[in-house]
Amino acid sequence: QVQLVESGGGLVQPGGSLRLSCAASGFTFSAYAISWYRQAPGKQRELVAVITSGRYTNYADSMKGRFTISRDNAKNTVYLQMNSLKPEDTAVYYCKADRLLDHYWGQGTQVTVSS
């Protein structure tokens, strides 16, 4: 019954903003670190950002200053605020929950940055 459901993807112009959401259920959300990954066509999946159960955050260098990860444990939801979007940000974005030996993935949401 574990579920991670991403939403908020879509088409946005370069320089625009988008906020992704990852809604979790079926596990003790607050105890897990949550990450955002992305995968562009023909490319490897890469880490975008992570937020731990203690709300420590870290970002890939190319995202630093543009993307912000946050969590609302009362809503069992993690967000990824994406600003100053570039065409190279186009990818399917996935959220992932991690705790010890437990790892869960969402289904992904498409983000397309194009004029």
PDB file of N, CA and C in Angstrom:
ATOM      1  N   GLN A   1       0.810  -1.212   0.000  1.00  0.00           N
ATOM      2  CA  GLN A   1       0.000   0.000   0.000  1.00  0.00           C
ATOM      3  C   GLN A   1       0.851   1.274   0.000  1.00  0.00           C
ATOM      4  N   VAL A   2       2.166   1.115  -0.033  1.00  0.00           N
ATOM      5  CA  VAL A   2       3.047   2.274  -0.100  1.00  0.00           C
ATOM      6  C   VAL A   2       2.840   2.975  -1.432  1.00  0.00           C
ATOM      7  N   GLN A   3       2.665   4.278  -1.377  1.00  0.00           N
ATOM      8  CA  GLN A   3       2.478   5.075  -2.578  1.00  0.00           C
ATOM      9  C   GLN A   3       3.204   6.397  -2.479  1.00  0.00           C
ATOM     10  N   LEU A   4       3.827   6.786  -3.575  1.00  0.00           N
ATOM     11  CA  LEU A   4       4.372   8.118  -3.766  1.00  0.00           C
ATOM     12  C   LEU A   4       3.821   8.618  -5.093  1.00  0.00           C
ATOM     13  N   VAL A   5       3.088   9.704  -5.064  1.00  0.00           N
ATOM     14  CA  VAL A   5       2.419  10.203  -6.256  1.00  0.00           C
ATOM     15  C   VAL A   5       2.877  11.621  -6.536  1.00  0.00           C
ATOM     16  N   GLU A   6       3.587  11.788  -7.646  1.00  0.00           N
ATOM     17  CA  GLU A   6       4.054  13.107  -8.057  1.00  0.00           C
ATOM     18  C   GLU A   6       2.971  13.832  -8.852  1.00  0.00           C
ATOM     19  N   SER A   7       2.968  15.148  -8.751  1.00  0.00           N
ATOM     20  CA  SER A   7       2.065  15.970  -9.535  1.00  0.00           C
ATOM     21  C   SER A   7       2.687  17.344  -9.721  1.00  0.00           C
ATOM     22  N   GLY A   8       2.100  18.133 -10.603  1.00  0.00           N
ATOM     23  CA  GLY A   8       2.540  19.498 -10.812  1.00  0.00           C
ATOM     24  C   GLY A   8       3.393  19.717 -12.039  1.00  0.00           C
ATOM     25  N   GLY A   9       3.729  18.655 -12.745  1.00  0.00           N
ATOM     26  CA  GLY A   9       4.506  18.798 -13.956  1.00  0.00           C
ATOM     27  C   GLY A   9       3.684  19.401 -15.076  1.00  0.00           C
ATOM     28  N   GLY A  10       4.372  19.764 -16.148  1.00  0.00           N
ATOM     29  CA  GLY A  10       3.711  20.351 -17.288  1.00  0.00           C
ATOM     30  C   GLY A  10       4.682  21.093 -18.165  1.00  0.00           C
ATOM     31  N   LEU A  11       4.124  21.914 -19.039  1.00  0.00           N
ATOM     32  CA  LEU A  11       4.911  22.717 -19.970  1.00  0.00           C
ATOM     33  C   LEU A  11       5.102  24.119 -19.413  1.00  0.00           C
ATOM     34  N   VAL A  12       6.344  24.583 -19.417  1.00  0.00           N
ATOM     35  CA  VAL A  12       6.657  25.916 -18.910  1.00  0.00           C
ATOM     36  C   VAL A  12       7.718  26.549 -19.804  1.00  0.00           C
ATOM     37  N   GLN A  13       7.683  27.868 -19.923  1.00  0.00           N
ATOM     38  CA  GLN A  13       8.659  28.580 -20.735  1.00  0.00           C
ATOM     39  C   GLN A  13       9.997  28.704 -20.014  1.00  0.00           C
ATOM     40  N   PRO A  14      11.094  28.806 -20.756  1.00  0.00           N
ATOM     41  CA  PRO A  14      12.385  29.083 -20.116  1.00  0.00           C
ATOM     42  C   PRO A  14      12.296  30.323 -19.239  1.00  0.00           C
ATOM     43  N   GLY A  15      12.902  30.227 -18.065  1.00  0.00           N
ATOM     44  CA  GLY A  15      12.832  31.304 -17.093  1.00  0.00           C
ATOM     45  C   GLY A  15      11.631  31.229 -16.175  1.00  0.00           C
ATOM     46  N   GLY A  16      10.713  30.349 -16.477  1.00  0.00           N
ATOM     47  CA  GLY A  16       9.515  30.204 -15.681  1.00  0.00           C
ATOM     48  C   GLY A  16       9.719  29.357 -14.447  1.00  0.00           C
ATOM     49  N   SER A  17       8.626  29.150 -13.718  1.00  0.00           N
ATOM     50  CA  SER A  17       8.654  28.406 -12.466  1.00  0.00           C
ATOM     51  C   SER A  17       7.596  27.325 -12.459  1.00  0.00           C
ATOM     52  N   LEU A  18       7.846  26.328 -11.649  1.00  0.00           N
ATOM     53  CA  LEU A  18       6.922  25.220 -11.484  1.00  0.00           C
ATOM     54  C   LEU A  18       7.128  24.649 -10.097  1.00  0.00           C
ATOM     55  N   ARG A  19       6.057  24.192  -9.470  1.00  0.00           N
ATOM     56  CA  ARG A  19       6.166  23.524  -8.182  1.00  0.00           C
ATOM     57  C   ARG A  19       5.641  22.110  -8.298  1.00  0.00           C
ATOM     58  N   LEU A  20       6.499  21.152  -8.021  1.00  0.00           N
ATOM     59  CA  LEU A  20       6.117  19.752  -8.013  1.00  0.00           C
ATOM     60  C   LEU A  20       5.749  19.316  -6.606  1.00  0.00           C
ATOM     61  N   SER A  21       4.819  18.385  -6.518  1.00  0.00           N
ATOM     62  CA  SER A  21       4.417  17.814  -5.243  1.00  0.00           C
ATOM     63  C   SER A  21       4.582  16.303  -5.280  1.00  0.00           C
ATOM     64  N   CYS A  22       4.899  15.740  -4.136  1.00  0.00           N
ATOM     65  CA  CYS A  22       4.987  14.297  -3.970  1.00  0.00           C
ATOM     66  C   CYS A  22       4.189  13.925  -2.737  1.00  0.00           C
ATOM     67  N   ALA A  23       3.046  13.298  -2.946  1.00  0.00           N
ATOM     68  CA  ALA A  23       2.164  12.907  -1.856  1.00  0.00           C
ATOM     69  C   ALA A  23       2.416  11.451  -1.485  1.00  0.00           C
ATOM     70  N   ALA A  24       2.682  11.209  -0.208  1.00  0.00           N
ATOM     71  CA  ALA A  24       3.054   9.880   0.269  1.00  0.00           C
ATOM     72  C   ALA A  24       1.956   9.273   1.137  1.00  0.00           C
ATOM     73  N   SER A  25       1.881   7.951   1.103  1.00  0.00           N
ATOM     74  CA  SER A  25       0.955   7.229   1.965  1.00  0.00           C
ATOM     75  C   SER A  25       1.462   5.807   2.168  1.00  0.00           C
ATOM     76  N   GLY A  26       1.020   5.175   3.246  1.00  0.00           N
ATOM     77  CA  GLY A  26       1.331   3.784   3.491  1.00  0.00           C
ATOM     78  C   GLY A  26       2.603   3.522   4.276  1.00  0.00           C
ATOM     79  N   PHE A  27       3.243   4.568   4.756  1.00  0.00           N
ATOM     80  CA  PHE A  27       4.440   4.421   5.584  1.00  0.00           C
ATOM     81  C   PHE A  27       4.605   5.646   6.462  1.00  0.00           C
ATOM     82  N   THR A  28       5.540   5.549   7.408  1.00  0.00           N
ATOM     83  CA  THR A  28       5.760   6.640   8.352  1.00  0.00           C
ATOM     84  C   THR A  28       6.599   7.716   7.680  1.00  0.00           C
ATOM     85  N   PHE A  29       5.903   8.613   7.008  1.00  0.00           N
ATOM     86  CA  PHE A  29       6.528   9.601   6.142  1.00  0.00           C
ATOM     87  C   PHE A  29       7.615  10.410   6.838  1.00  0.00           C
ATOM     88  N   SER A  30       7.341  10.870   8.053  1.00  0.00           N
ATOM     89  CA  SER A  30       8.256  11.768   8.745  1.00  0.00           C
ATOM     90  C   SER A  30       9.604  11.131   9.058  1.00  0.00           C
ATOM     91  N   ALA A  31       9.686   9.806   9.054  1.00  0.00           N
ATOM     92  CA  ALA A  31      10.922   9.105   9.373  1.00  0.00           C
ATOM     93  C   ALA A  31      11.827   8.900   8.161  1.00  0.00           C
ATOM     94  N   TYR A  32      11.347   9.250   6.985  1.00  0.00           N
ATOM     95  CA  TYR A  32      12.071   8.981   5.750  1.00  0.00           C
ATOM     96  C   TYR A  32      12.717  10.229   5.166  1.00  0.00           C
ATOM     97  N   ALA A  33      13.890  10.033   4.590  1.00  0.00           N
ATOM     98  CA  ALA A  33      14.451  11.052   3.723  1.00  0.00           C
ATOM     99  C   ALA A  33      13.748  10.972   2.373  1.00  0.00           C
ATOM    100  N   ILE A  34      13.471  12.115   1.778  1.00  0.00           N
ATOM    101  CA  ILE A  34      12.802  12.171   0.486  1.00  0.00           C
ATOM    102  C   ILE A  34      13.700  12.884  -0.512  1.00  0.00           C
ATOM    103  N   SER A  35      13.826  12.291  -1.680  1.00  0.00           N
ATOM    104  CA  SER A  35      14.656  12.859  -2.729  1.00  0.00           C
ATOM    105  C   SER A  35      13.838  13.093  -3.985  1.00  0.00           C
ATOM    106  N   TRP A  36      14.278  14.060  -4.773  1.00  0.00           N
ATOM    107  CA  TRP A  36      13.799  14.225  -6.132  1.00  0.00           C
ATOM    108  C   TRP A  36      14.913  13.826  -7.088  1.00  0.00           C
ATOM    109  N   TYR A  37      14.566  13.014  -8.063  1.00  0.00           N
ATOM    110  CA  TYR A  37      15.448  12.638  -9.152  1.00  0.00           C
ATOM    111  C   TYR A  37      14.809  13.067 -10.461  1.00  0.00           C
ATOM    112  N   ARG A  38      15.610  13.125 -11.499  1.00  0.00           N
ATOM    113  CA  ARG A  38      15.056  13.371 -12.823  1.00  0.00           C
ATOM    114  C   ARG A  38      15.784  12.532 -13.861  1.00  0.00           C
ATOM    115  N   GLN A  39      15.086  12.259 -14.944  1.00  0.00           N
ATOM    116  CA  GLN A  39      15.659  11.494 -16.033  1.00  0.00           C
ATOM    117  C   GLN A  39      15.180  12.070 -17.359  1.00  0.00           C
ATOM    118  N   ALA A  40      16.129  12.575 -18.137  1.00  0.00           N
ATOM    119  CA  ALA A  40      15.846  13.093 -19.461  1.00  0.00           C
ATOM    120  C   ALA A  40      15.975  11.964 -20.476  1.00  0.00           C
ATOM    121  N   PRO A  41      15.330  12.105 -21.636  1.00  0.00           N
ATOM    122  CA  PRO A  41      15.431  11.062 -22.665  1.00  0.00           C
ATOM    123  C   PRO A  41      16.880  10.759 -23.028  1.00  0.00           C
ATOM    124  N   GLY A  42      17.241   9.484 -23.000  1.00  0.00           N
ATOM    125  CA  GLY A  42      18.587   9.062 -23.345  1.00  0.00           C
ATOM    126  C   GLY A  42      19.637   9.331 -22.292  1.00  0.00           C
ATOM    127  N   LYS A  43      19.223   9.842 -21.149  1.00  0.00           N
ATOM    128  CA  LYS A  43      20.166  10.178 -20.087  1.00  0.00           C
ATOM    129  C   LYS A  43      19.936   9.309 -18.852  1.00  0.00           C
ATOM    130  N   GLN A  44      20.950   9.251 -18.003  1.00  0.00           N
ATOM    131  CA  GLN A  44      20.830   8.529 -16.747  1.00  0.00           C
ATOM    132  C   GLN A  44      19.995   9.315 -15.751  1.00  0.00           C
ATOM    133  N   ARG A  45      19.357   8.598 -14.852  1.00  0.00           N
ATOM    134  CA  ARG A  45      18.632   9.252 -13.784  1.00  0.00           C
ATOM    135  C   ARG A  45      19.620   9.933 -12.845  1.00  0.00           C
ATOM    136  N   GLU A  46      19.326  11.174 -12.460  1.00  0.00           N
ATOM    137  CA  GLU A  46      20.236  11.927 -11.619  1.00  0.00           C
ATOM    138  C   GLU A  46      19.512  12.519 -10.414  1.00  0.00           C
ATOM    139  N   LEU A  47      20.245  12.635  -9.340  1.00  0.00           N
ATOM    140  CA  LEU A  47      19.715  13.242  -8.130  1.00  0.00           C
ATOM    141  C   LEU A  47      19.567  14.739  -8.316  1.00  0.00           C
ATOM    142  N   VAL A  48      18.416  15.270  -7.912  1.00  0.00           N
ATOM    143  CA  VAL A  48      18.148  16.701  -7.969  1.00  0.00           C
ATOM    144  C   VAL A  48      18.314  17.339  -6.601  1.00  0.00           C
ATOM    145  N   ALA A  49      17.654  16.772  -5.607  1.00  0.00           N
ATOM    146  CA  ALA A  49      17.664  17.335  -4.260  1.00  0.00           C
ATOM    147  C   ALA A  49      17.241  16.277  -3.268  1.00  0.00           C
ATOM    148  N   VAL A  50      17.613  16.472  -2.016  1.00  0.00           N
ATOM    149  CA  VAL A  50      17.212  15.565  -0.947  1.00  0.00           C
ATOM    150  C   VAL A  50      16.865  16.375   0.287  1.00  0.00           C
ATOM    151  N   ILE A  51      15.880  15.897   1.034  1.00  0.00           N
ATOM    152  CA  ILE A  51      15.565  16.459   2.333  1.00  0.00           C
ATOM    153  C   ILE A  51      15.427  15.311   3.318  1.00  0.00           C
ATOM    154  N   THR A  52      16.164  15.383   4.420  1.00  0.00           N
ATOM    155  CA  THR A  52      16.159  14.309   5.402  1.00  0.00           C
ATOM    156  C   THR A  52      14.990  14.453   6.359  1.00  0.00           C
ATOM    157  N   SER A  53      14.847  13.459   7.228  1.00  0.00           N
ATOM    158  CA  SER A  53      13.813  13.523   8.249  1.00  0.00           C
ATOM    159  C   SER A  53      14.033  14.694   9.198  1.00  0.00           C
ATOM    160  N   GLY A  54      15.285  15.135   9.338  1.00  0.00           N
ATOM    161  CA  GLY A  54      15.618  16.296  10.150  1.00  0.00           C
ATOM    162  C   GLY A  54      15.589  17.601   9.382  1.00  0.00           C
ATOM    163  N   ARG A  55      15.119  17.561   8.144  1.00  0.00           N
ATOM    164  CA  ARG A  55      14.969  18.725   7.270  1.00  0.00           C
ATOM    165  C   ARG A  55      16.295  19.327   6.802  1.00  0.00           C
ATOM    166  N   TYR A  56      17.354  18.545   6.861  1.00  0.00           N
ATOM    167  CA  TYR A  56      18.585  18.911   6.180  1.00  0.00           C
ATOM    168  C   TYR A  56      18.357  18.774   4.682  1.00  0.00           C
ATOM    169  N   THR A  57      18.842  19.719   3.908  1.00  0.00           N
ATOM    170  CA  THR A  57      18.659  19.695   2.461  1.00  0.00           C
ATOM    171  C   THR A  57      19.989  19.735   1.738  1.00  0.00           C
ATOM    172  N   ASN A  58      20.004  19.147   0.559  1.00  0.00           N
ATOM    173  CA  ASN A  58      21.163  19.200  -0.301  1.00  0.00           C
ATOM    174  C   ASN A  58      20.690  19.177  -1.745  1.00  0.00           C
ATOM    175  N   TYR A  59      21.484  19.787  -2.633  1.00  0.00           N
ATOM    176  CA  TYR A  59      21.102  19.940  -4.023  1.00  0.00           C
ATOM    177  C   TYR A  59      22.264  19.615  -4.938  1.00  0.00           C
ATOM    178  N   ALA A  60      21.950  19.124  -6.113  1.00  0.00           N
ATOM    179  CA  ALA A  60      22.951  19.046  -7.149  1.00  0.00           C
ATOM    180  C   ALA A  60      23.413  20.460  -7.494  1.00  0.00           C
ATOM    181  N   ASP A  61      24.677  20.597  -7.883  1.00  0.00           N
ATOM    182  CA  ASP A  61      25.250  21.924  -8.102  1.00  0.00           C
ATOM    183  C   ASP A  61      24.457  22.756  -9.100  1.00  0.00           C
ATOM    184  N   SER A  62      23.983  22.134 -10.160  1.00  0.00           N
ATOM    185  CA  SER A  62      23.264  22.870 -11.188  1.00  0.00           C
ATOM    186  C   SER A  62      21.886  23.347 -10.733  1.00  0.00           C
ATOM    187  N   MET A  63      21.395  22.795  -9.639  1.00  0.00           N
ATOM    188  CA  MET A  63      20.089  23.186  -9.109  1.00  0.00           C
ATOM    189  C   MET A  63      20.188  24.230  -8.006  1.00  0.00           C
ATOM    190  N   LYS A  64      21.359  24.328  -7.404  1.00  0.00           N
ATOM    191  CA  LYS A  64      21.559  25.197  -6.255  1.00  0.00           C
ATOM    192  C   LYS A  64      21.225  26.641  -6.613  1.00  0.00           C
ATOM    193  N   GLY A  65      20.382  27.257  -5.811  1.00  0.00           N
ATOM    194  CA  GLY A  65      19.967  28.624  -6.049  1.00  0.00           C
ATOM    195  C   GLY A  65      18.737  28.752  -6.913  1.00  0.00           C
ATOM    196  N   ARG A  66      18.342  27.691  -7.590  1.00  0.00           N
ATOM    197  CA  ARG A  66      17.153  27.702  -8.441  1.00  0.00           C
ATOM    198  C   ARG A  66      16.031  26.836  -7.903  1.00  0.00           C
ATOM    199  N   PHE A  67      16.400  25.693  -7.322  1.00  0.00           N
ATOM    200  CA  PHE A  67      15.411  24.734  -6.825  1.00  0.00           C
ATOM    201  C   PHE A  67      15.405  24.727  -5.304  1.00  0.00           C
ATOM    202  N   THR A  68      14.235  24.506  -4.730  1.00  0.00           N
ATOM    203  CA  THR A  68      14.095  24.400  -3.284  1.00  0.00           C
ATOM    204  C   THR A  68      13.228  23.202  -2.939  1.00  0.00           C
ATOM    205  N   ILE A  69      13.755  22.310  -2.119  1.00  0.00           N
ATOM    206  CA  ILE A  69      12.991  21.169  -1.643  1.00  0.00           C
ATOM    207  C   ILE A  69      12.489  21.463  -0.235  1.00  0.00           C
ATOM    208  N   SER A  70      11.267  21.063   0.046  1.00  0.00           N
ATOM    209  CA  SER A  70      10.686  21.262   1.365  1.00  0.00           C
ATOM    210  C   SER A  70       9.720  20.126   1.656  1.00  0.00           C
ATOM    211  N   ARG A  71       9.341  19.998   2.914  1.00  0.00           N
ATOM    212  CA  ARG A  71       8.387  18.955   3.267  1.00  0.00           C
ATOM    213  C   ARG A  71       7.392  19.464   4.287  1.00  0.00           C
ATOM    214  N   ASP A  72       6.185  18.937   4.198  1.00  0.00           N
ATOM    215  CA  ASP A  72       5.122  19.215   5.140  1.00  0.00           C
ATOM    216  C   ASP A  72       4.686  17.863   5.692  1.00  0.00           C
ATOM    217  N   ASN A  73       5.221  17.507   6.851  1.00  0.00           N
ATOM    218  CA  ASN A  73       4.944  16.190   7.410  1.00  0.00           C
ATOM    219  C   ASN A  73       3.475  16.012   7.791  1.00  0.00           C
ATOM    220  N   ALA A  74       2.804  17.098   8.144  1.00  0.00           N
ATOM    221  CA  ALA A  74       1.381  17.020   8.471  1.00  0.00           C
ATOM    222  C   ALA A  74       0.551  16.618   7.264  1.00  0.00           C
ATOM    223  N   LYS A  75       1.034  16.944   6.070  1.00  0.00           N
ATOM    224  CA  LYS A  75       0.343  16.602   4.829  1.00  0.00           C
ATOM    225  C   LYS A  75       0.971  15.417   4.108  1.00  0.00           C
ATOM    226  N   ASN A  76       2.017  14.840   4.689  1.00  0.00           N
ATOM    227  CA  ASN A  76       2.750  13.740   4.044  1.00  0.00           C
ATOM    228  C   ASN A  76       3.146  14.095   2.613  1.00  0.00           C
ATOM    229  N   THR A  77       3.651  15.299   2.451  1.00  0.00           N
ATOM    230  CA  THR A  77       3.949  15.806   1.120  1.00  0.00           C
ATOM    231  C   THR A  77       5.309  16.494   1.083  1.00  0.00           C
ATOM    232  N   VAL A  78       6.034  16.256   0.003  1.00  0.00           N
ATOM    233  CA  VAL A  78       7.285  16.943  -0.288  1.00  0.00           C
ATOM    234  C   VAL A  78       7.088  17.778  -1.543  1.00  0.00           C
ATOM    235  N   TYR A  79       7.719  18.938  -1.569  1.00  0.00           N
ATOM    236  CA  TYR A  79       7.608  19.844  -2.690  1.00  0.00           C
ATOM    237  C   TYR A  79       8.970  20.104  -3.307  1.00  0.00           C
ATOM    238  N   LEU A  80       8.958  20.404  -4.588  1.00  0.00           N
ATOM    239  CA  LEU A  80      10.144  20.896  -5.271  1.00  0.00           C
ATOM    240  C   LEU A  80       9.753  22.158  -6.023  1.00  0.00           C
ATOM    241  N   GLN A  81      10.186  23.297  -5.506  1.00  0.00           N
ATOM    242  CA  GLN A  81       9.968  24.566  -6.175  1.00  0.00           C
ATOM    243  C   GLN A  81      11.090  24.785  -7.166  1.00  0.00           C
ATOM    244  N   MET A  82      10.749  24.942  -8.430  1.00  0.00           N
ATOM    245  CA  MET A  82      11.727  25.098  -9.491  1.00  0.00           C
ATOM    246  C   MET A  82      11.560  26.468 -10.125  1.00  0.00           C
ATOM    247  N   ASN A  83      12.601  27.273 -10.040  1.00  0.00           N
ATOM    248  CA  ASN A  83      12.607  28.610 -10.617  1.00  0.00           C
ATOM    249  C   ASN A  83      13.684  28.721 -11.686  1.00  0.00           C
ATOM    250  N   SER A  84      13.581  29.754 -12.488  1.00  0.00           N
ATOM    251  CA  SER A  84      14.558  30.018 -13.551  1.00  0.00           C
ATOM    252  C   SER A  84      14.817  28.771 -14.389  1.00  0.00           C
ATOM    253  N   LEU A  85      13.748  28.150 -14.815  1.00  0.00           N
ATOM    254  CA  LEU A  85      13.858  26.878 -15.518  1.00  0.00           C
ATOM    255  C   LEU A  85      14.524  27.038 -16.881  1.00  0.00           C
ATOM    256  N   LYS A  86      15.291  26.029 -17.234  1.00  0.00           N
ATOM    257  CA  LYS A  86      16.038  25.995 -18.481  1.00  0.00           C
ATOM    258  C   LYS A  86      15.593  24.792 -19.305  1.00  0.00           C
ATOM    259  N   PRO A  87      15.774  24.841 -20.624  1.00  0.00           N
ATOM    260  CA  PRO A  87      15.410  23.682 -21.444  1.00  0.00           C
ATOM    261  C   PRO A  87      16.061  22.384 -20.982  1.00  0.00           C
ATOM    262  N   GLU A  88      17.278  22.462 -20.459  1.00  0.00           N
ATOM    263  CA  GLU A  88      17.960  21.266 -19.989  1.00  0.00           C
ATOM    264  C   GLU A  88      17.357  20.678 -18.717  1.00  0.00           C
ATOM    265  N   ASP A  89      16.405  21.387 -18.112  1.00  0.00           N
ATOM    266  CA  ASP A  89      15.670  20.838 -16.977  1.00  0.00           C
ATOM    267  C   ASP A  89      14.552  19.897 -17.419  1.00  0.00           C
ATOM    268  N   THR A  90      14.296  19.835 -18.711  1.00  0.00           N
ATOM    269  CA  THR A  90      13.257  18.951 -19.235  1.00  0.00           C
ATOM    270  C   THR A  90      13.579  17.502 -18.895  1.00  0.00           C
ATOM    271  N   ALA A  91      12.655  16.838 -18.229  1.00  0.00           N
ATOM    272  CA  ALA A  91      12.867  15.467 -17.777  1.00  0.00           C
ATOM    273  C   ALA A  91      11.606  14.965 -17.098  1.00  0.00           C
ATOM    274  N   VAL A  92      11.590  13.675 -16.823  1.00  0.00           N
ATOM    275  CA  VAL A  92      10.606  13.118 -15.909  1.00  0.00           C
ATOM    276  C   VAL A  92      11.185  13.221 -14.506  1.00  0.00           C
ATOM    277  N   TYR A  93      10.424  13.792 -13.606  1.00  0.00           N
ATOM    278  CA  TYR A  93      10.866  13.991 -12.232  1.00  0.00           C
ATOM    279  C   TYR A  93      10.202  12.973 -11.325  1.00  0.00           C
ATOM    280  N   TYR A  94      11.019  12.311 -10.513  1.00  0.00           N
ATOM    281  CA  TYR A  94      10.562  11.260  -9.618  1.00  0.00           C
ATOM    282  C   TYR A  94      10.871  11.616  -8.173  1.00  0.00           C
ATOM    283  N   CYS A  95      10.006  11.238  -7.258  1.00  0.00           N
ATOM    284  CA  CYS A  95      10.361  11.322  -5.853  1.00  0.00           C
ATOM    285  C   CYS A  95      10.659   9.932  -5.315  1.00  0.00           C
ATOM    286  N   LYS A  96      11.501   9.896  -4.295  1.00  0.00           N
ATOM    287  CA  LYS A  96      11.961   8.648  -3.705  1.00  0.00           C
ATOM    288  C   LYS A  96      12.034   8.802  -2.199  1.00  0.00           C
ATOM    289  N   ALA A  97      11.552   7.801  -1.487  1.00  0.00           N
ATOM    290  CA  ALA A  97      11.628   7.759  -0.032  1.00  0.00           C
ATOM    291  C   ALA A  97      12.663   6.735   0.400  1.00  0.00           C
ATOM    292  N   ASP A  98      13.493   7.110   1.372  1.00  0.00           N
ATOM    293  CA  ASP A  98      14.562   6.239   1.854  1.00  0.00           C
ATOM    294  C   ASP A  98      14.610   6.221   3.367  1.00  0.00           C
ATOM    295  N   ARG A  99      14.705   5.029   3.926  1.00  0.00           N
ATOM    296  CA  ARG A  99      14.985   4.860   5.334  1.00  0.00           C
ATOM    297  C   ARG A  99      15.593   3.486   5.547  1.00  0.00           C
ATOM    298  N   LEU A 100      16.839   3.458   5.979  1.00  0.00           N
ATOM    299  CA  LEU A 100      17.554   2.204   6.191  1.00  0.00           C
ATOM    300  C   LEU A 100      17.485   1.358   4.921  1.00  0.00           C
ATOM    301  N   LEU A 101      16.825   0.217   4.982  1.00  0.00           N
ATOM    302  CA  LEU A 101      16.745  -0.677   3.836  1.00  0.00           C
ATOM    303  C   LEU A 101      15.476  -0.489   3.015  1.00  0.00           C
ATOM    304  N   ASP A 102      14.658   0.488   3.364  1.00  0.00           N
ATOM    305  CA  ASP A 102      13.414   0.734   2.647  1.00  0.00           C
ATOM    306  C   ASP A 102      13.602   1.820   1.604  1.00  0.00           C
ATOM    307  N   HIS A 103      13.209   1.533   0.383  1.00  0.00           N
ATOM    308  CA  HIS A 103      13.325   2.473  -0.727  1.00  0.00           C
ATOM    309  C   HIS A 103      12.067   2.389  -1.575  1.00  0.00           C
ATOM    310  N   TYR A 104      11.408   3.539  -1.766  1.00  0.00           N
ATOM    311  CA  TYR A 104      10.183   3.586  -2.554  1.00  0.00           C
ATOM    312  C   TYR A 104      10.277   4.680  -3.593  1.00  0.00           C
ATOM    313  N   TRP A 105       9.761   4.398  -4.774  1.00  0.00           N
ATOM    314  CA  TRP A 105       9.765   5.349  -5.890  1.00  0.00           C
ATOM    315  C   TRP A 105       8.353   5.716  -6.304  1.00  0.00           C
ATOM    316  N   GLY A 106       8.176   6.953  -6.723  1.00  0.00           N
ATOM    317  CA  GLY A 106       6.942   7.373  -7.356  1.00  0.00           C
ATOM    318  C   GLY A 106       6.967   7.057  -8.843  1.00  0.00           C
ATOM    319  N   GLN A 107       5.873   7.394  -9.519  1.00  0.00           N
ATOM    320  CA  GLN A 107       5.732   7.058 -10.934  1.00  0.00           C
ATOM    321  C   GLN A 107       6.307   8.115 -11.868  1.00  0.00           C
ATOM    322  N   GLY A 108       6.562   9.292 -11.351  1.00  0.00           N
ATOM    323  CA  GLY A 108       7.149  10.364 -12.128  1.00  0.00           C
ATOM    324  C   GLY A 108       6.133  11.330 -12.700  1.00  0.00           C
ATOM    325  N   THR A 109       6.589  12.552 -12.947  1.00  0.00           N
ATOM    326  CA  THR A 109       5.779  13.568 -13.604  1.00  0.00           C
ATOM    327  C   THR A 109       6.647  14.306 -14.617  1.00  0.00           C
ATOM    328  N   GLN A 110       6.098  14.553 -15.789  1.00  0.00           N
ATOM    329  CA  GLN A 110       6.852  15.146 -16.887  1.00  0.00           C
ATOM    330  C   GLN A 110       6.949  16.656 -16.731  1.00  0.00           C
ATOM    331  N   VAL A 111       8.163  17.173 -16.852  1.00  0.00           N
ATOM    332  CA  VAL A 111       8.408  18.610 -16.906  1.00  0.00           C
ATOM    333  C   VAL A 111       9.057  18.923 -18.246  1.00  0.00           C
ATOM    334  N   THR A 112       8.441  19.827 -18.989  1.00  0.00           N
ATOM    335  CA  THR A 112       8.974  20.240 -20.284  1.00  0.00           C
ATOM    336  C   THR A 112       9.178  21.742 -20.272  1.00  0.00           C
ATOM    337  N   VAL A 113      10.412  22.170 -20.517  1.00  0.00           N
ATOM    338  CA  VAL A 113      10.758  23.586 -20.550  1.00  0.00           C
ATOM    339  C   VAL A 113      11.056  23.952 -21.999  1.00  0.00           C
ATOM    340  N   SER A 114      10.173  24.726 -22.590  1.00  0.00           N
ATOM    341  CA  SER A 114      10.288  25.040 -24.007  1.00  0.00           C
ATOM    342  C   SER A 114       9.497  26.291 -24.338  1.00  0.00           C
ATOM    343  N   SER A 115       9.969  27.027 -25.345  1.00  0.00           N
ATOM    344  CA  SER A 115       9.236  28.170 -25.861  1.00  0.00           C
ATOM    345  C   SER A 115       8.160  27.743 -26.847  1.00  0.00           C
TER     346      SER A 115
END
